PDB file of N, CA and C in Angstrom:
ATOM      1  N   MET A   1       9.830  -8.042 -14.509  1.00  0.00           N
ATOM      2  CA  MET A   1       8.987  -7.525 -15.200  1.00  0.00           C
ATOM      3  C   MET A   1       8.085  -7.060 -14.795  1.00  0.00           C
ATOM      4  N   THR A   2       7.641  -5.470 -15.426  1.00  0.00           N
ATOM      5  CA  THR A   2       7.110  -4.327 -14.607  1.00  0.00           C
ATOM      6  C   THR A   2       5.859  -4.397 -14.958  1.00  0.00           C
ATOM      7  N   GLN A   3       4.834  -4.088 -13.861  1.00  0.00           N
ATOM      8  CA  GLN A   3       3.807  -4.660 -14.098  1.00  0.00           C
ATOM      9  C   GLN A   3       2.733  -3.757 -13.494  1.00  0.00           C
ATOM     10  N   HIS A   4       2.376  -2.567 -15.043  1.00  0.00           N
ATOM     11  CA  HIS A   4       1.756  -1.384 -14.204  1.00  0.00           C
ATOM     12  C   HIS A   4       0.419  -1.688 -13.333  1.00  0.00           C
ATOM     13  N   THR A   5       0.275  -1.124 -12.359  1.00  0.00           N
ATOM     14  CA  THR A   5      -0.473  -0.770 -11.439  1.00  0.00           C
ATOM     15  C   THR A   5      -1.548   0.114 -11.037  1.00  0.00           C
ATOM     16  N   ILE A   6      -2.951  -0.336 -11.002  1.00  0.00           N
ATOM     17  CA  ILE A   6      -3.270   0.688 -10.222  1.00  0.00           C
ATOM     18  C   ILE A   6      -3.868   0.734  -9.194  1.00  0.00           C
ATOM     19  N   LEU A   7      -3.585   1.389  -8.318  1.00  0.00           N
ATOM     20  CA  LEU A   7      -4.182   1.317  -6.827  1.00  0.00           C
ATOM     21  C   LEU A   7      -5.375   1.988  -6.519  1.00  0.00           C
ATOM     22  N   LEU A   8      -5.864   1.526  -5.746  1.00  0.00           N
ATOM     23  CA  LEU A   8      -7.700   1.797  -5.044  1.00  0.00           C
ATOM     24  C   LEU A   8      -7.936   1.471  -3.906  1.00  0.00           C
ATOM     25  N   LEU A   9      -7.932   2.857  -3.271  1.00  0.00           N
ATOM     26  CA  LEU A   9      -8.218   3.061  -2.382  1.00  0.00           C
ATOM     27  C   LEU A   9      -9.527   3.724  -1.611  1.00  0.00           C
ATOM     28  N   GLN A  10      -9.922   3.438  -0.748  1.00  0.00           N
ATOM     29  CA  GLN A  10     -11.159   4.404   0.142  1.00  0.00           C
ATOM     30  C   GLN A  10     -10.547   4.169   1.227  1.00  0.00           C
ATOM     31  N   THR A  11      -9.985   5.988   2.017  1.00  0.00           N
ATOM     32  CA  THR A  11      -9.795   6.180   3.398  1.00  0.00           C
ATOM     33  C   THR A  11     -10.793   5.818   4.527  1.00  0.00           C
ATOM     34  N   HIS A  12     -11.990   6.108   3.923  1.00  0.00           N
ATOM     35  CA  HIS A  12     -13.183   5.578   4.753  1.00  0.00           C
ATOM     36  C   HIS A  12     -14.410   4.831   4.423  1.00  0.00           C
ATOM     37  N   ALA A  13     -14.821   3.891   4.963  1.00  0.00           N
ATOM     38  CA  ALA A  13     -15.636   3.085   4.616  1.00  0.00           C
ATOM     39  C   ALA A  13     -17.196   3.672   4.192  1.00  0.00           C
ATOM     40  N   ASN A  14     -17.651   4.614   4.787  1.00  0.00           N
ATOM     41  CA  ASN A  14     -18.567   5.000   4.446  1.00  0.00           C
ATOM     42  C   ASN A  14     -18.917   6.107   3.431  1.00  0.00           C
ATOM     43  N   ARG A  15     -17.608   6.852   3.283  1.00  0.00           N
ATOM     44  CA  ARG A  15     -17.165   7.669   2.626  1.00  0.00           C
ATOM     45  C   ARG A  15     -17.159   8.057   1.236  1.00  0.00           C
ATOM     46  N   LYS A  16     -18.374   7.811   0.068  1.00  0.00           N
ATOM     47  CA  LYS A  16     -17.065   7.982  -1.124  1.00  0.00           C
ATOM     48  C   LYS A  16     -16.595   8.679  -1.652  1.00  0.00           C
ATOM     49  N   ASP A  17     -16.676  10.116  -1.082  1.00  0.00           N
ATOM     50  CA  ASP A  17     -16.252  11.226  -1.488  1.00  0.00           C
ATOM     51  C   ASP A  17     -14.278  10.927  -1.360  1.00  0.00           C
ATOM     52  N   THR A  18     -13.766   9.812  -0.205  1.00  0.00           N
ATOM     53  CA  THR A  18     -12.699   9.380  -0.333  1.00  0.00           C
ATOM     54  C   THR A  18     -12.061   8.457  -0.927  1.00  0.00           C
ATOM     55  N   ARG A  19     -12.600   7.967  -2.316  1.00  0.00           N
ATOM     56  CA  ARG A  19     -11.893   7.260  -3.418  1.00  0.00           C
ATOM     57  C   ARG A  19     -11.274   7.942  -3.788  1.00  0.00           C
ATOM     58  N   GLN A  20     -10.210   7.499  -4.002  1.00  0.00           N
ATOM     59  CA  GLN A  20      -8.705   7.751  -5.069  1.00  0.00           C
ATOM     60  C   GLN A  20      -8.433   6.687  -5.791  1.00  0.00           C
ATOM     61  N   TRP A  21      -7.281   6.730  -6.682  1.00  0.00           N
ATOM     62  CA  TRP A  21      -6.727   6.271  -7.532  1.00  0.00           C
ATOM     63  C   TRP A  21      -5.180   6.306  -7.493  1.00  0.00           C
ATOM     64  N   GLU A  22      -4.623   5.383  -7.685  1.00  0.00           N
ATOM     65  CA  GLU A  22      -3.025   5.994  -7.965  1.00  0.00           C
ATOM     66  C   GLU A  22      -2.664   5.013  -9.057  1.00  0.00           C
ATOM     67  N   ASP A  23      -1.644   5.630 -10.143  1.00  0.00           N
ATOM     68  CA  ASP A  23      -0.969   4.917 -11.279  1.00  0.00           C
ATOM     69  C   ASP A  23       0.576   4.765 -10.935  1.00  0.00           C
ATOM     70  N   HIS A  24       0.784   3.111 -11.268  1.00  0.00           N
ATOM     71  CA  HIS A  24       1.948   2.931 -10.889  1.00  0.00           C
ATOM     72  C   HIS A  24       2.682   2.196 -11.821  1.00  0.00           C
ATOM     73  N   ASP A  25       4.262   2.154 -12.112  1.00  0.00           N
ATOM     74  CA  ASP A  25       4.823   1.272 -12.850  1.00  0.00           C
ATOM     75  C   ASP A  25       5.298   0.085 -12.566  1.00  0.00           C
ATOM     76  N   THR A  26       4.631  -0.241 -10.887  1.00  0.00           N
ATOM     77  CA  THR A  26       5.062  -1.532 -10.231  1.00  0.00           C
ATOM     78  C   THR A  26       3.619  -1.708  -9.461  1.00  0.00           C
ATOM     79  N   VAL A  27       3.783  -2.916  -8.796  1.00  0.00           N
ATOM     80  CA  VAL A  27       3.318  -2.997  -7.597  1.00  0.00           C
ATOM     81  C   VAL A  27       4.048  -2.511  -6.380  1.00  0.00           C
ATOM     82  N   SER A  28       5.349  -2.450  -6.392  1.00  0.00           N
ATOM     83  CA  SER A  28       6.791  -2.553  -5.402  1.00  0.00           C
ATOM     84  C   SER A  28       6.287  -1.216  -5.197  1.00  0.00           C
ATOM     85  N   LEU A  29       6.164   0.059  -6.523  1.00  0.00           N
ATOM     86  CA  LEU A  29       5.716   1.758  -6.403  1.00  0.00           C
ATOM     87  C   LEU A  29       4.640   2.075  -5.969  1.00  0.00           C
ATOM     88  N   ALA A  30       3.631   0.932  -6.349  1.00  0.00           N
ATOM     89  CA  ALA A  30       1.964   1.186  -5.004  1.00  0.00           C
ATOM     90  C   ALA A  30       2.509   0.814  -3.956  1.00  0.00           C
ATOM     91  N   VAL A  31       3.183  -0.395  -3.190  1.00  0.00           N
ATOM     92  CA  VAL A  31       3.121  -0.792  -2.133  1.00  0.00           C
ATOM     93  C   VAL A  31       4.121   0.398  -1.150  1.00  0.00           C
ATOM     94  N   GLU A  32       4.848   0.983  -1.830  1.00  0.00           N
ATOM     95  CA  GLU A  32       6.174   2.141  -1.228  1.00  0.00           C
ATOM     96  C   GLU A  32       4.870   3.589  -0.996  1.00  0.00           C
ATOM     97  N   SER A  33       3.734   3.436  -2.196  1.00  0.00           N
ATOM     98  CA  SER A  33       2.988   4.586  -1.927  1.00  0.00           C
ATOM     99  C   SER A  33       2.064   4.325  -0.899  1.00  0.00           C
ATOM    100  N   VAL A  34       1.802   3.093  -0.194  1.00  0.00           N
ATOM    101  CA  VAL A  34       0.653   3.139   1.058  1.00  0.00           C
ATOM    102  C   VAL A  34       1.351   3.135   2.049  1.00  0.00           C
ATOM    103  N   ILE A  35       3.100   2.554   2.130  1.00  0.00           N
ATOM    104  CA  ILE A  35       3.708   2.739   3.488  1.00  0.00           C
ATOM    105  C   ILE A  35       4.279   4.307   3.404  1.00  0.00           C
ATOM    106  N   SER A  36       4.329   5.381   2.216  1.00  0.00           N
ATOM    107  CA  SER A  36       4.534   6.515   2.720  1.00  0.00           C
ATOM    108  C   SER A  36       2.854   6.923   3.328  1.00  0.00           C
ATOM    109  N   LYS A  37       2.355   7.019   2.422  1.00  0.00           N
ATOM    110  CA  LYS A  37       1.100   7.413   3.349  1.00  0.00           C
ATOM    111  C   LYS A  37       0.479   7.084   4.324  1.00  0.00           C
ATOM    112  N   PHE A  38       1.220   5.937   5.152  1.00  0.00           N
ATOM    113  CA  PHE A  38       1.045   5.405   6.840  1.00  0.00           C
ATOM    114  C   PHE A  38       1.958   5.990   7.285  1.00  0.00           C
ATOM    115  N   GLU A  39       3.461   6.270   7.098  1.00  0.00           N
ATOM    116  CA  GLU A  39       3.896   7.325   7.649  1.00  0.00           C
ATOM    117  C   GLU A  39       4.292   8.318   7.664  1.00  0.00           C
ATOM    118  N   GLN A  40       3.240   9.046   6.614  1.00  0.00           N
ATOM    119  CA  GLN A  40       2.898  10.652   7.049  1.00  0.00           C
ATOM    120  C   GLN A  40       1.882  11.025   7.955  1.00  0.00           C
ATOM    121  N   ARG A  41       0.874   9.764   7.971  1.00  0.00           N
ATOM    122  CA  ARG A  41       0.282   9.531   9.004  1.00  0.00           C
ATOM    123  C   ARG A  41       0.452   9.695  10.687  1.00  0.00           C
ATOM    124  N   LEU A  42       1.690   9.301  10.504  1.00  0.00           N
ATOM    125  CA  LEU A  42       2.217   8.870  11.654  1.00  0.00           C
ATOM    126  C   LEU A  42       2.932  10.096  12.141  1.00  0.00           C
ATOM    127  N   LYS A  43       3.536  10.765  11.546  1.00  0.00           N
ATOM    128  CA  LYS A  43       4.206  11.854  11.561  1.00  0.00           C
ATOM    129  C   LYS A  43       3.172  12.865  12.006  1.00  0.00           C
ATOM    130  N   GLN A  44       1.939  12.870  11.531  1.00  0.00           N
ATOM    131  CA  GLN A  44       0.994  14.352  11.638  1.00  0.00           C
ATOM    132  C   GLN A  44       0.368  13.466  13.018  1.00  0.00           C
ATOM    133  N   SER A  45       0.158  12.401  13.641  1.00  0.00           N
ATOM    134  CA  SER A  45      -0.296  12.348  14.850  1.00  0.00           C
ATOM    135  C   SER A  45       0.735  11.861  15.882  1.00  0.00           C
ATOM    136  N   ASN A  46       2.079  12.194  15.728  1.00  0.00           N
ATOM    137  CA  ASN A  46       3.375  12.031  16.786  1.00  0.00           C
ATOM    138  C   ASN A  46       4.053  13.624  16.469  1.00  0.00           C
ATOM    139  N   PRO A  47       3.166  14.643  16.032  1.00  0.00           N
ATOM    140  CA  PRO A  47       4.619  16.045  15.349  1.00  0.00           C
ATOM    141  C   PRO A  47       5.415  16.036  16.331  1.00  0.00           C
ATOM    142  N   THR A  48       5.564  15.704  17.753  1.00  0.00           N
ATOM    143  CA  THR A  48       6.894  16.200  18.533  1.00  0.00           C
ATOM    144  C   THR A  48       8.241  15.141  18.624  1.00  0.00           C
ATOM    145  N   VAL A  49       7.705  13.652  18.150  1.00  0.00           N
ATOM    146  CA  VAL A  49       8.758  12.952  18.183  1.00  0.00           C
ATOM    147  C   VAL A  49       9.463  12.547  16.868  1.00  0.00           C
ATOM    148  N   ARG A  50      10.577  12.314  17.150  1.00  0.00           N
ATOM    149  CA  ARG A  50      11.323  12.847  16.312  1.00  0.00           C
ATOM    150  C   ARG A  50      11.915  11.597  15.270  1.00  0.00           C
ATOM    151  N   ASN A  51      11.869  10.381  15.852  1.00  0.00           N
ATOM    152  CA  ASN A  51      12.164   9.255  15.083  1.00  0.00           C
ATOM    153  C   ASN A  51      11.123   8.489  15.306  1.00  0.00           C
ATOM    154  N   ILE A  52      10.315   8.042  14.863  1.00  0.00           N
ATOM    155  CA  ILE A  52       9.116   7.202  15.196  1.00  0.00           C
ATOM    156  C   ILE A  52       9.522   5.677  14.275  1.00  0.00           C
ATOM    157  N   GLN A  53       8.844   4.837  15.259  1.00  0.00           N
ATOM    158  CA  GLN A  53       9.423   3.264  14.934  1.00  0.00           C
ATOM    159  C   GLN A  53       7.914   2.861  14.790  1.00  0.00           C
ATOM    160  N   TYR A  54       7.952   1.895  14.272  1.00  0.00           N
ATOM    161  CA  TYR A  54       6.365   0.844  13.894  1.00  0.00           C
ATOM    162  C   TYR A  54       7.038  -0.519  13.198  1.00  0.00           C
ATOM    163  N   ASP A  55       6.262  -1.123  13.502  1.00  0.00           N
ATOM    164  CA  ASP A  55       6.439  -2.225  12.933  1.00  0.00           C
ATOM    165  C   ASP A  55       5.312  -3.178  11.894  1.00  0.00           C
ATOM    166  N   ILE A  56       5.728  -4.507  10.886  1.00  0.00           N
ATOM    167  CA  ILE A  56       4.865  -5.166  10.085  1.00  0.00           C
ATOM    168  C   ILE A  56       3.207  -4.978  10.718  1.00  0.00           C
ATOM    169  N   ASN A  57       3.013  -5.436  11.958  1.00  0.00           N
ATOM    170  CA  ASN A  57       1.647  -5.521  12.274  1.00  0.00           C
ATOM    171  C   ASN A  57       0.972  -3.796  12.560  1.00  0.00           C
ATOM    172  N   ASP A  58       1.590  -2.774  12.952  1.00  0.00           N
ATOM    173  CA  ASP A  58       1.414  -1.209  12.531  1.00  0.00           C
ATOM    174  C   ASP A  58       0.470  -1.060  11.304  1.00  0.00           C
ATOM    175  N   LEU A  59       1.466  -1.148  10.892  1.00  0.00           N
ATOM    176  CA  LEU A  59       1.070  -1.004   9.321  1.00  0.00           C
ATOM    177  C   LEU A  59      -0.029  -1.881   8.389  1.00  0.00           C
ATOM    178  N   GLN A  60       0.132  -3.039   9.022  1.00  0.00           N
ATOM    179  CA  GLN A  60      -1.324  -4.091   8.815  1.00  0.00           C
ATOM    180  C   GLN A  60      -2.523  -3.237   9.382  1.00  0.00           C
ATOM    181  N   LYS A  61      -2.503  -2.976  10.519  1.00  0.00           N
ATOM    182  CA  LYS A  61      -3.362  -1.954  10.837  1.00  0.00           C
ATOM    183  C   LYS A  61      -3.730  -1.140  10.531  1.00  0.00           C
ATOM    184  N   TYR A  62      -3.195  -0.392  10.054  1.00  0.00           N
ATOM    185  CA  TYR A  62      -3.240   0.657   9.028  1.00  0.00           C
ATOM    186  C   TYR A  62      -3.855   0.439   7.679  1.00  0.00           C
ATOM    187  N   ILE A  63      -3.426  -0.701   7.420  1.00  0.00           N
ATOM    188  CA  ILE A  63      -4.493  -0.934   5.716  1.00  0.00           C
ATOM    189  C   ILE A  63      -5.738  -1.395   6.048  1.00  0.00           C
ATOM    190  N   ASP A  64      -5.399  -2.644   7.330  1.00  0.00           N
ATOM    191  CA  ASP A  64      -7.132  -2.646   7.365  1.00  0.00           C
ATOM    192  C   ASP A  64      -8.203  -2.044   7.891  1.00  0.00           C
ATOM    193  N   SER A  65      -7.379  -0.559   8.603  1.00  0.00           N
ATOM    194  CA  SER A  65      -8.553   0.082   8.799  1.00  0.00           C
ATOM    195  C   SER A  65      -8.916   1.350   7.679  1.00  0.00           C
ATOM    196  N   LEU A  66      -8.086   1.025   6.278  1.00  0.00           N
ATOM    197  CA  LEU A  66      -8.975   2.110   5.462  1.00  0.00           C
ATOM    198  C   LEU A  66     -10.084   1.272   5.095  1.00  0.00           C
ATOM    199  N   GLY A  67     -11.169   2.012   4.581  1.00  0.00           N
ATOM    200  CA  GLY A  67     -12.444   1.583   3.597  1.00  0.00           C
ATOM    201  C   GLY A  67     -12.313   0.548   2.584  1.00  0.00           C
ATOM    202  N   ASP A  68     -11.086   0.647   1.901  1.00  0.00           N
ATOM    203  CA  ASP A  68     -11.179  -0.615   0.677  1.00  0.00           C
ATOM    204  C   ASP A  68      -9.594  -0.196   0.323  1.00  0.00           C
ATOM    205  N   VAL A  69      -8.802  -1.175  -0.171  1.00  0.00           N
ATOM    206  CA  VAL A  69      -8.137  -1.413  -0.932  1.00  0.00           C
ATOM    207  C   VAL A  69      -7.954  -2.290  -1.906  1.00  0.00           C
ATOM    208  N   ALA A  70      -7.248  -1.963  -3.019  1.00  0.00           N
ATOM    209  CA  ALA A  70      -7.466  -3.229  -4.281  1.00  0.00           C
ATOM    210  C   ALA A  70      -6.796  -2.807  -5.087  1.00  0.00           C
ATOM    211  N   CYS A  71      -6.059  -3.294  -6.018  1.00  0.00           N
ATOM    212  CA  CYS A  71      -5.074  -3.392  -6.986  1.00  0.00           C
ATOM    213  C   CYS A  71      -5.476  -4.192  -8.263  1.00  0.00           C
ATOM    214  N   LEU A  72      -5.330  -3.091  -9.916  1.00  0.00           N
ATOM    215  CA  LEU A  72      -5.546  -3.590 -10.746  1.00  0.00           C
ATOM    216  C   LEU A  72      -4.271  -3.624 -11.511  1.00  0.00           C
ATOM    217  N   VAL A  73      -3.565  -5.108 -11.362  1.00  0.00           N
ATOM    218  CA  VAL A  73      -2.265  -5.456 -12.035  1.00  0.00           C
ATOM    219  C   VAL A  73      -2.446  -5.814 -13.782  1.00  0.00           C
ATOM    220  N   LEU A  74      -1.744  -5.425 -14.289  1.00  0.00           N
ATOM    221  CA  LEU A  74      -1.820  -5.748 -16.028  1.00  0.00           C
ATOM    222  C   LEU A  74      -1.040  -7.095 -15.726  1.00  0.00           C
ATOM    223  N   ASP A  75      -1.723  -7.608 -16.636  1.00  0.00           N
ATOM    224  CA  ASP A  75      -1.260  -8.852 -17.026  1.00  0.00           C
ATOM    225  C   ASP A  75      -0.990  -8.651 -18.486  1.00  0.00           C
ATOM    226  N   PRO A  76       0.440  -8.858 -18.858  1.00  0.00           N
ATOM    227  CA  PRO A  76       0.361  -7.796 -20.433  1.00  0.00           C
ATOM    228  C   PRO A  76       0.304  -9.630 -21.434  1.00  0.00           C
ATOM    229  N   THR A  77       0.178 -10.618 -21.208  1.00  0.00           N
ATOM    230  CA  THR A  77      -0.075 -11.735 -21.645  1.00  0.00           C
ATOM    231  C   THR A  77      -1.640 -11.921 -21.908  1.00  0.00           C
ATOM    232  N   ALA A  78      -2.339 -11.485 -21.318  1.00  0.00           N
ATOM    233  CA  ALA A  78      -3.652 -11.708 -21.062  1.00  0.00           C
ATOM    234  C   ALA A  78      -3.937 -10.463 -21.853  1.00  0.00           C
ATOM    235  N   ARG A  79      -3.307  -9.214 -21.795  1.00  0.00           N
ATOM    236  CA  ARG A  79      -3.557  -7.780 -22.326  1.00  0.00           C
ATOM    237  C   ARG A  79      -4.928  -7.485 -21.483  1.00  0.00           C
ATOM    238  N   ALA A  80      -4.776  -7.696 -20.316  1.00  0.00           N
ATOM    239  CA  ALA A  80      -6.403  -6.930 -19.131  1.00  0.00           C
ATOM    240  C   ALA A  80      -5.440  -6.763 -17.686  1.00  0.00           C
ATOM    241  N   TYR A  81      -6.488  -6.034 -17.129  1.00  0.00           N
ATOM    242  CA  TYR A  81      -5.537  -5.687 -15.607  1.00  0.00           C
ATOM    243  C   TYR A  81      -6.474  -6.908 -14.836  1.00  0.00           C
ATOM    244  N   ILE A  82      -5.758  -7.532 -13.938  1.00  0.00           N
ATOM    245  CA  ILE A  82      -6.623  -8.610 -12.818  1.00  0.00           C
ATOM    246  C   ILE A  82      -6.317  -7.758 -11.291  1.00  0.00           C
ATOM    247  N   PRO A  83      -7.906  -7.910 -10.956  1.00  0.00           N
ATOM    248  CA  PRO A  83      -7.848  -7.438  -9.635  1.00  0.00           C
ATOM    249  C   PRO A  83      -7.379  -8.338  -8.801  1.00  0.00           C
ATOM    250  N   HIS A  84      -7.043  -7.538  -7.760  1.00  0.00           N
ATOM    251  CA  HIS A  84      -6.459  -7.832  -6.764  1.00  0.00           C
ATOM    252  C   HIS A  84      -6.764  -7.815  -5.186  1.00  0.00           C
ATOM    253  N   ASP A  85      -7.347  -8.375  -4.239  1.00  0.00           N
ATOM    254  CA  ASP A  85      -8.007  -7.469  -2.991  1.00  0.00           C
ATOM    255  C   ASP A  85      -6.994  -7.079  -1.970  1.00  0.00           C
ATOM    256  N   ARG A  86      -7.384  -6.666  -0.837  1.00  0.00           N
ATOM    257  CA  ARG A  86      -6.809  -6.111   0.319  1.00  0.00           C
ATOM    258  C   ARG A  86      -5.773  -7.250   0.688  1.00  0.00           C
ATOM    259  N   ASP A  87      -6.436  -8.647   1.053  1.00  0.00           N
ATOM    260  CA  ASP A  87      -5.133  -9.687   1.458  1.00  0.00           C
ATOM    261  C   ASP A  87      -4.141  -9.876   0.564  1.00  0.00           C
ATOM    262  N   TRP A  88      -4.135  -9.812  -0.607  1.00  0.00           N
ATOM    263  CA  TRP A  88      -3.416  -9.764  -1.584  1.00  0.00           C
ATOM    264  C   TRP A  88      -2.263  -8.649  -1.482  1.00  0.00           C
ATOM    265  N   PHE A  89      -2.780  -7.311  -1.445  1.00  0.00           N
ATOM    266  CA  PHE A  89      -1.603  -6.557  -0.981  1.00  0.00           C
ATOM    267  C   PHE A  89      -1.190  -6.389  -0.135  1.00  0.00           C
ATOM    268  N   LYS A  90      -1.644  -7.030   1.103  1.00  0.00           N
ATOM    269  CA  LYS A  90      -0.932  -6.951   2.563  1.00  0.00           C
ATOM    270  C   LYS A  90      -0.031  -8.286   2.170  1.00  0.00           C
ATOM    271  N   ALA A  91       0.188  -9.263   1.714  1.00  0.00           N
ATOM    272  CA  ALA A  91       0.851 -10.299   1.446  1.00  0.00           C
ATOM    273  C   ALA A  91       2.397  -9.443   0.847  1.00  0.00           C
ATOM    274  N   ARG A  92       1.907  -8.583  -0.267  1.00  0.00           N
ATOM    275  CA  ARG A  92       2.760  -7.652  -0.720  1.00  0.00           C
ATOM    276  C   ARG A  92       3.914  -6.927  -0.163  1.00  0.00           C
ATOM    277  N   VAL A  93       3.346  -6.228   0.443  1.00  0.00           N
ATOM    278  CA  VAL A  93       3.536  -5.264   1.570  1.00  0.00           C
ATOM    279  C   VAL A  93       4.454  -6.059   2.355  1.00  0.00           C
ATOM    280  N   PHE A  94       4.371  -7.068   2.877  1.00  0.00           N
ATOM    281  CA  PHE A  94       4.994  -7.824   3.901  1.00  0.00           C
ATOM    282  C   PHE A  94       6.054  -8.530   3.224  1.00  0.00           C
ATOM    283  N   ASN A  95       5.981  -8.870   2.042  1.00  0.00           N
ATOM    284  CA  ASN A  95       7.284  -9.431   1.063  1.00  0.00           C
ATOM    285  C   ASN A  95       7.542  -8.117   1.168  1.00  0.00           C
ATOM    286  N   HIS A  96       7.600  -7.005   0.453  1.00  0.00           N
ATOM    287  CA  HIS A  96       7.843  -5.850   0.082  1.00  0.00           C
ATOM    288  C   HIS A  96       9.156  -5.434   1.252  1.00  0.00           C
ATOM    289  N   LEU A  97       9.154  -5.480   2.536  1.00  0.00           N
ATOM    290  CA  LEU A  97       9.268  -4.834   3.894  1.00  0.00           C
ATOM    291  C   LEU A  97      10.493  -6.222   3.871  1.00  0.00           C
ATOM    292  N   LYS A  98      10.150  -7.723   3.913  1.00  0.00           N
ATOM    293  CA  LYS A  98      11.170  -8.766   3.957  1.00  0.00           C
ATOM    294  C   LYS A  98      12.304  -8.449   3.437  1.00  0.00           C
ATOM    295  N   ARG A  99      11.861  -8.094   1.855  1.00  0.00           N
ATOM    296  CA  ARG A  99      13.013  -7.948   0.732  1.00  0.00           C
ATOM    297  C   ARG A  99      14.093  -6.455   1.257  1.00  0.00           C
ATOM    298  N   GLN A 100      13.348  -5.533   1.763  1.00  0.00           N
ATOM    299  CA  GLN A 100      13.810  -4.424   2.614  1.00  0.00           C
ATOM    300  C   GLN A 100      15.226  -4.516   3.253  1.00  0.00           C
ATOM    301  N   ALA A 101      14.534  -5.626   4.113  1.00  0.00           N
ATOM    302  CA  ALA A 101      15.372  -5.951   5.728  1.00  0.00           C
ATOM    303  C   ALA A 101      16.294  -6.870   5.185  1.00  0.00           C
ATOM    304  N   SER A 102      16.297  -7.724   4.182  1.00  0.00           N
ATOM    305  CA  SER A 102      17.435  -8.472   3.955  1.00  0.00           C
ATOM    306  C   SER A 102      18.335  -7.745   3.292  1.00  0.00           C
ATOM    307  N   ALA A 103      17.939  -6.877   2.533  1.00  0.00           N
ATOM    308  CA  ALA A 103      18.994  -5.950   1.957  1.00  0.00           C
ATOM    309  C   ALA A 103      19.925  -5.030   2.755  1.00  0.00           C
ATOM    310  N   ALA A 104      19.302  -4.595   3.911  1.00  0.00           N
ATOM    311  CA  ALA A 104      20.023  -3.918   5.260  1.00  0.00           C
ATOM    312  C   ALA A 104      20.737  -4.488   5.746  1.00  0.00           C
ATOM    313  N   ARG A 105      20.550  -5.714   5.525  1.00  0.00           N
ATOM    314  CA  ARG A 105      22.022  -6.430   6.580  1.00  0.00           C
ATOM    315  C   ARG A 105      23.360  -7.017   6.346  1.00  0.00           C
TER     316      ARG A 105
END
């Protein structure tokens, strides 16, 4: 089932000018967007390293370092967006990576 998702991010806690939002067709696409942002940050921080490796703890720390993370997920039955917090999002990231690891085996 497609769950339209609005991802709300604030990269720095005390800076309102770092607030942003993204529109995604699914929760998984919102998760992939944050993973991509994390990987881009790793590449910028380590420009001479060809193969950067990280684990789920590194990604979770990145998400915790953000000023704010929240999702609004469309519930078609209620015809409303249901808000979800950082912990909910981190659980979705973990499950997403777990599924990817299982598929790669």
